[in-house]
Amino acid sequence: METEIKFLKIERDEKIAAFVEKKAAKLAKFYDGAAKAAITLSDLKEPDGKCVRITVDAPGQDFMIEKKAKSFEDAVDAAIDAMKEKLTRAKEKRIEG
């Protein structure tokens, strides 16, 4: 699966980008045919100011998750876990249907 990482309103950090790439690579096995994952990291002016949005493009359906946390690592972990769950549910529904 192709992964695109965007940093909004912050400088690109290669350490965080590598962390995101490693975590996102695991998403491909949860939904057959998922072609692309777009991951956007942004810094908000809030207490839980790190925001991660993951969008996965799959044939006939797109999936989106957004999570906020105090650090990008925590937000990425939460978003990836939520996306895994969402993709698994969608795959199960597709197989049943």
PDB file of N, CA and C in Angstrom:
ATOM      1  N   MET A   1       0.841  -1.171   0.000  1.00  0.00           N
ATOM      2  CA  MET A   1       0.000   0.000   0.000  1.00  0.00           C
ATOM      3  C   MET A   1       0.890   1.239   0.000  1.00  0.00           C
ATOM      4  N   GLU A   2       0.550   2.170  -0.850  1.00  0.00           N
ATOM      5  CA  GLU A   2       1.287   3.430  -0.931  1.00  0.00           C
ATOM      6  C   GLU A   2       0.905   4.317   0.257  1.00  0.00           C
ATOM      7  N   THR A   3       1.892   4.944   0.887  1.00  0.00           N
ATOM      8  CA  THR A   3       1.641   5.801   2.047  1.00  0.00           C
ATOM      9  C   THR A   3       2.152   7.214   1.764  1.00  0.00           C
ATOM     10  N   GLU A   4       1.292   8.180   1.999  1.00  0.00           N
ATOM     11  CA  GLU A   4       1.646   9.587   1.836  1.00  0.00           C
ATOM     12  C   GLU A   4       1.530  10.265   3.199  1.00  0.00           C
ATOM     13  N   ILE A   5       2.604  10.920   3.636  1.00  0.00           N
ATOM     14  CA  ILE A   5       2.616  11.580   4.938  1.00  0.00           C
ATOM     15  C   ILE A   5       2.744  13.080   4.727  1.00  0.00           C
ATOM     16  N   LYS A   6       1.811  13.830   5.330  1.00  0.00           N
ATOM     17  CA  LYS A   6       1.823  15.292   5.221  1.00  0.00           C
ATOM     18  C   LYS A   6       1.960  15.898   6.615  1.00  0.00           C
ATOM     19  N   PHE A   7       2.722  16.966   6.699  1.00  0.00           N
ATOM     20  CA  PHE A   7       2.862  17.724   7.939  1.00  0.00           C
ATOM     21  C   PHE A   7       2.237  19.100   7.717  1.00  0.00           C
ATOM     22  N   LEU A   8       1.199  19.421   8.487  1.00  0.00           N
ATOM     23  CA  LEU A   8       0.536  20.717   8.361  1.00  0.00           C
ATOM     24  C   LEU A   8       0.949  21.633   9.504  1.00  0.00           C
ATOM     25  N   LYS A   9       1.368  22.829   9.162  1.00  0.00           N
ATOM     26  CA  LYS A   9       1.738  23.868  10.128  1.00  0.00           C
ATOM     27  C   LYS A   9       2.899  23.468  11.028  1.00  0.00           C
ATOM     28  N   ILE A  10       3.673  22.466  10.617  1.00  0.00           N
ATOM     29  CA  ILE A  10       4.866  22.058  11.362  1.00  0.00           C
ATOM     30  C   ILE A  10       5.940  21.621  10.371  1.00  0.00           C
ATOM     31  N   GLU A  11       7.169  21.662  10.840  1.00  0.00           N
ATOM     32  CA  GLU A  11       8.292  21.203  10.019  1.00  0.00           C
ATOM     33  C   GLU A  11       8.276  19.678   9.942  1.00  0.00           C
ATOM     34  N   ARG A  12       8.689  19.145   8.828  1.00  0.00           N
ATOM     35  CA  ARG A  12       8.769  17.681   8.658  1.00  0.00           C
ATOM     36  C   ARG A  12       9.848  17.129   9.585  1.00  0.00           C
ATOM     37  N   ASP A  13       9.493  16.129  10.351  1.00  0.00           N
ATOM     38  CA  ASP A  13      10.415  15.471  11.271  1.00  0.00           C
ATOM     39  C   ASP A  13      10.608  14.041  10.768  1.00  0.00           C
ATOM     40  N   GLU A  14      11.819  13.714  10.340  1.00  0.00           N
ATOM     41  CA  GLU A  14      12.078  12.399   9.746  1.00  0.00           C
ATOM     42  C   GLU A  14      11.891  11.261  10.748  1.00  0.00           C
ATOM     43  N   LYS A  15      12.160  11.530  12.025  1.00  0.00           N
ATOM     44  CA  LYS A  15      11.966  10.507  13.057  1.00  0.00           C
ATOM     45  C   LYS A  15      10.479  10.152  13.165  1.00  0.00           C
ATOM     46  N   ILE A  16       9.629  11.156  13.196  1.00  0.00           N
ATOM     47  CA  ILE A  16       8.185  10.920  13.270  1.00  0.00           C
ATOM     48  C   ILE A  16       7.692  10.289  11.963  1.00  0.00           C
ATOM     49  N   ALA A  17       8.203  10.754  10.837  1.00  0.00           N
ATOM     50  CA  ALA A  17       7.804  10.203   9.536  1.00  0.00           C
ATOM     51  C   ALA A  17       8.148   8.716   9.459  1.00  0.00           C
ATOM     52  N   ALA A  18       9.309   8.323   9.954  1.00  0.00           N
ATOM     53  CA  ALA A  18       9.706   6.909   9.944  1.00  0.00           C
ATOM     54  C   ALA A  18       8.799   6.090  10.862  1.00  0.00           C
ATOM     55  N   PHE A  19       8.449   6.662  12.021  1.00  0.00           N
ATOM     56  CA  PHE A  19       7.544   5.993  12.964  1.00  0.00           C
ATOM     57  C   PHE A  19       6.181   5.771  12.311  1.00  0.00           C
ATOM     58  N   VAL A  20       5.661   6.808  11.646  1.00  0.00           N
ATOM     59  CA  VAL A  20       4.360   6.724  10.984  1.00  0.00           C
ATOM     60  C   VAL A  20       4.405   5.691   9.854  1.00  0.00           C
ATOM     61  N   GLU A  21       5.460   5.713   9.066  1.00  0.00           N
ATOM     62  CA  GLU A  21       5.612   4.772   7.945  1.00  0.00           C
ATOM     63  C   GLU A  21       5.620   3.328   8.441  1.00  0.00           C
ATOM     64  N   LYS A  22       6.333   3.077   9.522  1.00  0.00           N
ATOM     65  CA  LYS A  22       6.411   1.729  10.087  1.00  0.00           C
ATOM     66  C   LYS A  22       5.034   1.260  10.555  1.00  0.00           C
ATOM     67  N   LYS A  23       4.311   2.123  11.251  1.00  0.00           N
ATOM     68  CA  LYS A  23       2.978   1.767  11.762  1.00  0.00           C
ATOM     69  C   LYS A  23       1.985   1.591  10.612  1.00  0.00           C
ATOM     70  N   ALA A  24       2.038   2.482   9.633  1.00  0.00           N
ATOM     71  CA  ALA A  24       1.076   2.449   8.525  1.00  0.00           C
ATOM     72  C   ALA A  24       1.269   1.225   7.638  1.00  0.00           C
ATOM     73  N   ALA A  25       2.467   0.701   7.577  1.00  0.00           N
ATOM     74  CA  ALA A  25       2.744  -0.470   6.734  1.00  0.00           C
ATOM     75  C   ALA A  25       1.901  -1.672   7.159  1.00  0.00           C
ATOM     76  N   LYS A  26       1.507  -1.717   8.415  1.00  0.00           N
ATOM     77  CA  LYS A  26       0.716  -2.836   8.930  1.00  0.00           C
ATOM     78  C   LYS A  26      -0.744  -2.776   8.490  1.00  0.00           C
ATOM     79  N   LEU A  27      -1.213  -1.624   8.022  1.00  0.00           N
ATOM     80  CA  LEU A  27      -2.621  -1.476   7.655  1.00  0.00           C
ATOM     81  C   LEU A  27      -3.014  -2.306   6.431  1.00  0.00           C
ATOM     82  N   ALA A  28      -2.074  -2.542   5.531  1.00  0.00           N
ATOM     83  CA  ALA A  28      -2.384  -3.233   4.276  1.00  0.00           C
ATOM     84  C   ALA A  28      -2.976  -4.619   4.492  1.00  0.00           C
ATOM     85  N   LYS A  29      -2.585  -5.287   5.550  1.00  0.00           N
ATOM     86  CA  LYS A  29      -3.064  -6.654   5.757  1.00  0.00           C
ATOM     87  C   LYS A  29      -4.485  -6.719   6.326  1.00  0.00           C
ATOM     88  N   PHE A  30      -5.056  -5.579   6.689  1.00  0.00           N
ATOM     89  CA  PHE A  30      -6.386  -5.585   7.290  1.00  0.00           C
ATOM     90  C   PHE A  30      -7.521  -5.398   6.293  1.00  0.00           C
ATOM     91  N   TYR A  31      -7.200  -4.996   5.058  1.00  0.00           N
ATOM     92  CA  TYR A  31      -8.243  -4.810   4.050  1.00  0.00           C
ATOM     93  C   TYR A  31      -7.642  -5.073   2.679  1.00  0.00           C
ATOM     94  N   ASP A  32      -8.099  -6.120   2.014  1.00  0.00           N
ATOM     95  CA  ASP A  32      -7.575  -6.469   0.694  1.00  0.00           C
ATOM     96  C   ASP A  32      -7.940  -5.393  -0.321  1.00  0.00           C
ATOM     97  N   GLY A  33      -6.982  -4.973  -1.086  1.00  0.00           N
ATOM     98  CA  GLY A  33      -7.244  -4.015  -2.145  1.00  0.00           C
ATOM     99  C   GLY A  33      -7.077  -2.568  -1.743  1.00  0.00           C
ATOM    100  N   ALA A  34      -6.752  -2.293  -0.474  1.00  0.00           N
ATOM    101  CA  ALA A  34      -6.521  -0.912  -0.063  1.00  0.00           C
ATOM    102  C   ALA A  34      -5.299  -0.394  -0.821  1.00  0.00           C
ATOM    103  N   ALA A  35      -5.488   0.687  -1.572  1.00  0.00           N
ATOM    104  CA  ALA A  35      -4.446   1.146  -2.480  1.00  0.00           C
ATOM    105  C   ALA A  35      -3.535   2.217  -1.880  1.00  0.00           C
ATOM    106  N   LYS A  36      -4.110   3.099  -1.047  1.00  0.00           N
ATOM    107  CA  LYS A  36      -3.337   4.250  -0.604  1.00  0.00           C
ATOM    108  C   LYS A  36      -3.774   4.677   0.790  1.00  0.00           C
ATOM    109  N   ALA A  37      -2.804   5.084   1.595  1.00  0.00           N
ATOM    110  CA  ALA A  37      -3.083   5.663   2.905  1.00  0.00           C
ATOM    111  C   ALA A  37      -2.481   7.065   2.937  1.00  0.00           C
ATOM    112  N   ALA A  38      -3.303   8.055   3.253  1.00  0.00           N
ATOM    113  CA  ALA A  38      -2.833   9.431   3.403  1.00  0.00           C
ATOM    114  C   ALA A  38      -2.882   9.764   4.889  1.00  0.00           C
ATOM    115  N   ILE A  39      -1.751  10.164   5.434  1.00  0.00           N
ATOM    116  CA  ILE A  39      -1.666  10.457   6.860  1.00  0.00           C
ATOM    117  C   ILE A  39      -1.227  11.905   7.013  1.00  0.00           C
ATOM    118  N   THR A  40      -2.049  12.670   7.736  1.00  0.00           N
ATOM    119  CA  THR A  40      -1.778  14.085   7.939  1.00  0.00           C
ATOM    120  C   THR A  40      -1.539  14.333   9.421  1.00  0.00           C
ATOM    121  N   LEU A  41      -0.413  14.968   9.738  1.00  0.00           N
ATOM    122  CA  LEU A  41      -0.088  15.328  11.106  1.00  0.00           C
ATOM    123  C   LEU A  41      -0.142  16.839  11.230  1.00  0.00           C
ATOM    124  N   SER A  42      -0.833  17.338  12.253  1.00  0.00           N
ATOM    125  CA  SER A  42      -0.921  18.779  12.449  1.00  0.00           C
ATOM    126  C   SER A  42      -0.821  19.119  13.924  1.00  0.00           C
ATOM    127  N   ASP A  43      -0.393  20.336  14.192  1.00  0.00           N
ATOM    128  CA  ASP A  43      -0.224  20.829  15.557  1.00  0.00           C
ATOM    129  C   ASP A  43      -1.334  21.835  15.824  1.00  0.00           C
ATOM    130  N   LEU A  44      -2.157  21.571  16.834  1.00  0.00           N
ATOM    131  CA  LEU A  44      -3.267  22.448  17.171  1.00  0.00           C
ATOM    132  C   LEU A  44      -2.945  23.225  18.443  1.00  0.00           C
ATOM    133  N   LYS A  45      -3.620  24.327  18.630  1.00  0.00           N
ATOM    134  CA  LYS A  45      -3.394  25.128  19.829  1.00  0.00           C
ATOM    135  C   LYS A  45      -4.410  24.718  20.907  1.00  0.00           C
ATOM    136  N   GLU A  46      -4.301  23.478  21.344  1.00  0.00           N
ATOM    137  CA  GLU A  46      -5.173  22.900  22.362  1.00  0.00           C
ATOM    138  C   GLU A  46      -4.310  22.064  23.298  1.00  0.00           C
ATOM    139  N   PRO A  47      -4.824  21.704  24.477  1.00  0.00           N
ATOM    140  CA  PRO A  47      -4.028  20.855  25.379  1.00  0.00           C
ATOM    141  C   PRO A  47      -3.607  19.533  24.737  1.00  0.00           C
ATOM    142  N   ASP A  48      -4.528  18.877  24.058  1.00  0.00           N
ATOM    143  CA  ASP A  48      -4.181  17.679  23.289  1.00  0.00           C
ATOM    144  C   ASP A  48      -3.919  18.124  21.869  1.00  0.00           C
ATOM    145  N   GLY A  49      -2.821  18.823  21.672  1.00  0.00           N
ATOM    146  CA  GLY A  49      -2.594  19.576  20.460  1.00  0.00           C
ATOM    147  C   GLY A  49      -2.032  18.855  19.264  1.00  0.00           C
ATOM    148  N   LYS A  50      -1.760  17.573  19.352  1.00  0.00           N
ATOM    149  CA  LYS A  50      -1.236  16.842  18.203  1.00  0.00           C
ATOM    150  C   LYS A  50      -2.374  16.054  17.574  1.00  0.00           C
ATOM    151  N   CYS A  51      -2.583  16.277  16.287  1.00  0.00           N
ATOM    152  CA  CYS A  51      -3.702  15.653  15.589  1.00  0.00           C
ATOM    153  C   CYS A  51      -3.181  14.806  14.428  1.00  0.00           C
ATOM    154  N   VAL A  52      -3.742  13.606  14.302  1.00  0.00           N
ATOM    155  CA  VAL A  52      -3.378  12.710  13.210  1.00  0.00           C
ATOM    156  C   VAL A  52      -4.659  12.294  12.502  1.00  0.00           C
ATOM    157  N   ARG A  53      -4.684  12.470  11.175  1.00  0.00           N
ATOM    158  CA  ARG A  53      -5.820  12.037  10.360  1.00  0.00           C
ATOM    159  C   ARG A  53      -5.312  11.014   9.357  1.00  0.00           C
ATOM    160  N   ILE A  54      -5.968   9.851   9.340  1.00  0.00           N
ATOM    161  CA  ILE A  54      -5.600   8.789   8.404  1.00  0.00           C
ATOM    162  C   ILE A  54      -6.779   8.553   7.472  1.00  0.00           C
ATOM    163  N   THR A  55      -6.504   8.581   6.180  1.00  0.00           N
ATOM    164  CA  THR A  55      -7.504   8.267   5.167  1.00  0.00           C
ATOM    165  C   THR A  55      -6.973   7.114   4.330  1.00  0.00           C
ATOM    166  N   VAL A  56      -7.755   6.047   4.236  1.00  0.00           N
ATOM    167  CA  VAL A  56      -7.378   4.880   3.439  1.00  0.00           C
ATOM    168  C   VAL A  56      -8.337   4.779   2.263  1.00  0.00           C
ATOM    169  N   ASP A  57      -7.779   4.769   1.065  1.00  0.00           N
ATOM    170  CA  ASP A  57      -8.571   4.621  -0.158  1.00  0.00           C
ATOM    171  C   ASP A  57      -8.612   3.147  -0.537  1.00  0.00           C
ATOM    172  N   ALA A  58      -9.830   2.635  -0.641  1.00  0.00           N
ATOM    173  CA  ALA A  58     -10.030   1.252  -1.068  1.00  0.00           C
ATOM    174  C   ALA A  58     -11.062   1.259  -2.181  1.00  0.00           C
ATOM    175  N   PRO A  59     -11.077   0.246  -3.011  1.00  0.00           N
ATOM    176  CA  PRO A  59     -12.050   0.202  -4.112  1.00  0.00           C
ATOM    177  C   PRO A  59     -13.489   0.309  -3.596  1.00  0.00           C
ATOM    178  N   GLY A  60     -14.174   1.344  -4.036  1.00  0.00           N
ATOM    179  CA  GLY A  60     -15.574   1.523  -3.681  1.00  0.00           C
ATOM    180  C   GLY A  60     -15.824   2.133  -2.317  1.00  0.00           C
ATOM    181  N   GLN A  61     -14.779   2.388  -1.536  1.00  0.00           N
ATOM    182  CA  GLN A  61     -14.993   2.908  -0.193  1.00  0.00           C
ATOM    183  C   GLN A  61     -13.727   3.587   0.321  1.00  0.00           C
ATOM    184  N   ASP A  62     -13.919   4.690   1.041  1.00  0.00           N
ATOM    185  CA  ASP A  62     -12.813   5.372   1.707  1.00  0.00           C
ATOM    186  C   ASP A  62     -13.062   5.341   3.206  1.00  0.00           C
ATOM    187  N   PHE A  63     -11.994   5.247   3.970  1.00  0.00           N
ATOM    188  CA  PHE A  63     -12.089   5.200   5.426  1.00  0.00           C
ATOM    189  C   PHE A  63     -11.281   6.355   6.007  1.00  0.00           C
ATOM    190  N   MET A  64     -11.811   7.008   7.066  1.00  0.00           N
ATOM    191  CA  MET A  64     -11.111   8.130   7.674  1.00  0.00           C
ATOM    192  C   MET A  64     -11.202   8.039   9.191  1.00  0.00           C
ATOM    193  N   ILE A  65     -10.086   8.277   9.840  1.00  0.00           N
ATOM    194  CA  ILE A  65      -9.997   8.313  11.300  1.00  0.00           C
ATOM    195  C   ILE A  65      -9.181   9.537  11.677  1.00  0.00           C
ATOM    196  N   GLU A  66      -9.610  10.224  12.741  1.00  0.00           N
ATOM    197  CA  GLU A  66      -8.847  11.362  13.252  1.00  0.00           C
ATOM    198  C   GLU A  66      -8.728  11.208  14.757  1.00  0.00           C
ATOM    199  N   LYS A  67      -7.511  11.335  15.277  1.00  0.00           N
ATOM    200  CA  LYS A  67      -7.251  11.211  16.711  1.00  0.00           C
ATOM    201  C   LYS A  67      -6.353  12.349  17.171  1.00  0.00           C
ATOM    202  N   LYS A  68      -6.569  12.771  18.421  1.00  0.00           N
ATOM    203  CA  LYS A  68      -5.751  13.825  19.026  1.00  0.00           C
ATOM    204  C   LYS A  68      -5.115  13.284  20.297  1.00  0.00           C
ATOM    205  N   ALA A  69      -3.915  13.761  20.585  1.00  0.00           N
ATOM    206  CA  ALA A  69      -3.209  13.351  21.798  1.00  0.00           C
ATOM    207  C   ALA A  69      -2.157  14.409  22.131  1.00  0.00           C
ATOM    208  N   LYS A  70      -1.461  14.182  23.228  1.00  0.00           N
ATOM    209  CA  LYS A  70      -0.422  15.130  23.645  1.00  0.00           C
ATOM    210  C   LYS A  70       0.866  14.974  22.849  1.00  0.00           C
ATOM    211  N   SER A  71       1.056  13.802  22.226  1.00  0.00           N
ATOM    212  CA  SER A  71       2.247  13.601  21.388  1.00  0.00           C
ATOM    213  C   SER A  71       1.814  12.958  20.076  1.00  0.00           C
ATOM    214  N   PHE A  72       2.622  13.153  19.042  1.00  0.00           N
ATOM    215  CA  PHE A  72       2.312  12.550  17.749  1.00  0.00           C
ATOM    216  C   PHE A  72       2.343  11.024  17.835  1.00  0.00           C
ATOM    217  N   GLU A  73       3.272  10.488  18.614  1.00  0.00           N
ATOM    218  CA  GLU A  73       3.378   9.038  18.736  1.00  0.00           C
ATOM    219  C   GLU A  73       2.089   8.442  19.306  1.00  0.00           C
ATOM    220  N   ASP A  74       1.549   9.074  20.369  1.00  0.00           N
ATOM    221  CA  ASP A  74       0.312   8.579  20.971  1.00  0.00           C
ATOM    222  C   ASP A  74      -0.862   8.720  20.007  1.00  0.00           C
ATOM    223  N   ALA A  75      -0.919   9.840  19.297  1.00  0.00           N
ATOM    224  CA  ALA A  75      -2.002  10.067  18.340  1.00  0.00           C
ATOM    225  C   ALA A  75      -1.920   9.069  17.181  1.00  0.00           C
ATOM    226  N   VAL A  76      -0.708   8.797  16.697  1.00  0.00           N
ATOM    227  CA  VAL A  76      -0.535   7.834  15.609  1.00  0.00           C
ATOM    228  C   VAL A  76      -0.945   6.437  16.068  1.00  0.00           C
ATOM    229  N   ASP A  77      -0.505   6.032  17.260  1.00  0.00           N
ATOM    230  CA  ASP A  77      -0.880   4.714  17.788  1.00  0.00           C
ATOM    231  C   ASP A  77      -2.394   4.574  17.888  1.00  0.00           C
ATOM    232  N   ALA A  78      -3.058   5.591  18.444  1.00  0.00           N
ATOM    233  CA  ALA A  78      -4.514   5.542  18.599  1.00  0.00           C
ATOM    234  C   ALA A  78      -5.212   5.501  17.246  1.00  0.00           C
ATOM    235  N   ALA A  79      -4.742   6.309  16.309  1.00  0.00           N
ATOM    236  CA  ALA A  79      -5.366   6.359  14.980  1.00  0.00           C
ATOM    237  C   ALA A  79      -5.159   5.050  14.214  1.00  0.00           C
ATOM    238  N   ILE A  80      -3.966   4.487  14.282  1.00  0.00           N
ATOM    239  CA  ILE A  80      -3.688   3.224  13.588  1.00  0.00           C
ATOM    240  C   ILE A  80      -4.541   2.103  14.175  1.00  0.00           C
ATOM    241  N   ASP A  81      -4.627   2.042  15.504  1.00  0.00           N
ATOM    242  CA  ASP A  81      -5.443   1.012  16.150  1.00  0.00           C
ATOM    243  C   ASP A  81      -6.913   1.147  15.749  1.00  0.00           C
ATOM    244  N   ALA A  82      -7.419   2.375  15.738  1.00  0.00           N
ATOM    245  CA  ALA A  82      -8.817   2.608  15.346  1.00  0.00           C
ATOM    246  C   ALA A  82      -9.038   2.243  13.875  1.00  0.00           C
ATOM    247  N   MET A  83      -8.060   2.555  13.019  1.00  0.00           N
ATOM    248  CA  MET A  83      -8.191   2.236  11.595  1.00  0.00           C
ATOM    249  C   MET A  83      -8.146   0.721  11.375  1.00  0.00           C
ATOM    250  N   LYS A  84      -7.295   0.020  12.103  1.00  0.00           N
ATOM    251  CA  LYS A  84      -7.245  -1.444  11.995  1.00  0.00           C
ATOM    252  C   LYS A  84      -8.617  -2.027  12.301  1.00  0.00           C
ATOM    253  N   GLU A  85      -9.233  -1.538  13.376  1.00  0.00           N
ATOM    254  CA  GLU A  85     -10.546  -2.020  13.781  1.00  0.00           C
ATOM    255  C   GLU A  85     -11.601  -1.716  12.709  1.00  0.00           C
ATOM    256  N   LYS A  86     -11.558  -0.506  12.188  1.00  0.00           N
ATOM    257  CA  LYS A  86     -12.516  -0.095  11.163  1.00  0.00           C
ATOM    258  C   LYS A  86     -12.368  -0.928   9.888  1.00  0.00           C
ATOM    259  N   LEU A  87     -11.126  -1.143   9.454  1.00  0.00           N
ATOM    260  CA  LEU A  87     -10.879  -1.942   8.253  1.00  0.00           C
ATOM    261  C   LEU A  87     -11.294  -3.398   8.453  1.00  0.00           C
ATOM    262  N   THR A  88     -11.044  -3.931   9.646  1.00  0.00           N
ATOM    263  CA  THR A  88     -11.429  -5.314   9.938  1.00  0.00           C
ATOM    264  C   THR A  88     -12.944  -5.472   9.887  1.00  0.00           C
ATOM    265  N   ARG A  89     -13.678  -4.523  10.502  1.00  0.00           N
ATOM    266  CA  ARG A  89     -15.142  -4.579  10.470  1.00  0.00           C
ATOM    267  C   ARG A  89     -15.662  -4.483   9.044  1.00  0.00           C
ATOM    268  N   ALA A  90     -15.106  -3.589   8.250  1.00  0.00           N
ATOM    269  CA  ALA A  90     -15.546  -3.415   6.865  1.00  0.00           C
ATOM    270  C   ALA A  90     -15.256  -4.673   6.043  1.00  0.00           C
ATOM    271  N   LYS A  91     -14.110  -5.292   6.275  1.00  0.00           N
ATOM    272  CA  LYS A  91     -13.750  -6.511   5.551  1.00  0.00           C
ATOM    273  C   LYS A  91     -14.720  -7.643   5.907  1.00  0.00           C
ATOM    274  N   GLU A  92     -15.062  -7.755   7.189  1.00  0.00           N
ATOM    275  CA  GLU A  92     -15.995  -8.784   7.633  1.00  0.00           C
ATOM    276  C   GLU A  92     -17.380  -8.566   7.020  1.00  0.00           C
ATOM    277  N   LYS A  93     -17.825  -7.313   6.975  1.00  0.00           N
ATOM    278  CA  LYS A  93     -19.126  -7.005   6.372  1.00  0.00           C
ATOM    279  C   LYS A  93     -19.127  -7.327   4.880  1.00  0.00           C
ATOM    280  N   ARG A  94     -18.022  -7.042   4.226  1.00  0.00           N
ATOM    281  CA  ARG A  94     -17.909  -7.307   2.793  1.00  0.00           C
ATOM    282  C   ARG A  94     -17.955  -8.806   2.515  1.00  0.00           C
ATOM    283  N   ILE A  95     -17.315  -9.589   3.367  1.00  0.00           N
ATOM    284  CA  ILE A  95     -17.302 -11.039   3.198  1.00  0.00           C
ATOM    285  C   ILE A  95     -18.681 -11.621   3.478  1.00  0.00           C
ATOM    286  N   GLU A  96     -19.369 -11.111   4.513  1.00  0.00           N
ATOM    287  CA  GLU A  96     -20.705 -11.604   4.860  1.00  0.00           C
ATOM    288  C   GLU A  96     -21.733 -11.227   3.803  1.00  0.00           C
ATOM    289  N   GLY A  97     -21.569 -10.020   3.226  1.00  0.00           N
ATOM    290  CA  GLY A  97     -22.550  -9.486   2.280  1.00  0.00           C
ATOM    291  C   GLY A  97     -22.460 -10.143   0.969  1.00  0.00           C
TER     292      GLY A  97
END
